[in-house]
Amino acid sequence: MGVRVVVVDEHRLLAEALASALKLRGHRVLAAAAPAAGAADLVIGRAPEVCLFGTASPAEPGVFEPVVRIKGERPQIAVVVLGPVPNPRGIAAAFAAGACGYVRQDERIEGVERALAKARAGEVAIAPQLLQGAFAELLNPTAQPDDEGSRLLRLLTPREVEVLVRVAEGEDTRLIAAGMEIAPSTARTHVQRVLMKLGVGSRLEAAALAARTGLLDRALPGRPADAPLG
């Protein structure tokens, strides 16, 4: 018995090609489209048994927001992601968003069909070795701190980096202002901009994030951890 499925992919031609192949094998394809702002609405509106969600960049922030919404509003719809391999971070992000399966984009149509059948049956549709890597990433989401530290570092100006270092060393606004020879109001503004750019709500959170991601080590290479600023 064929599966009722919606196929979405970043590339419309790929979505349509996969949809055609599934139709030829007896599956009922309700829609085939490129994911955009309306991807979740399309899937929720058509109410398939399974959604095949294709993406070439599963580790990018926000890629699986449609999946989160689909599972939030229609938890009975199973979502199987079609993505590149190996990419444990992307696989972890897919499962964290609510997907029940992950299939490599170059998988043969028979493999995609097996994933559809497992997903419809409520089973996990992923090769064991890929699942193991995904769970390892979920349990250790900071396994690649250098990458995250580099990304955060690029958000900050040199002055803001200095402010963050001083915040991490426990300096209050008065000490930051004195050490940088700026007005307290200016120091306060710098601190607020650092918090905003890092997406945290307090100085303590900023210091913890900087330490966890290795941001300070990348900002001041070669500086001993306990060395003062000046």
Foldseek 3Di string as FASTA:
>chain_A
DAFEEEEEEQDQVLQVVLVVVSVVVPHHYPYTYYDDPCPLVVCQVSVTQEYEYEYACLLDPPSCPSLLVNCVVPVNYAYAYEYAPPDLNSVLSCVVSPHQEYHYNPDDSVLVRVQSVQRSVVHRRYDPVSVVSNVVCVVPVLPQLQVVLVVLLVLDDLLLLVLLVCLLVPDDLVVNCVVVVHDSVVSVVSVVVSCVSVVHDDSVVSNVSCVSSVNNCVSDPPDPPPDDPD
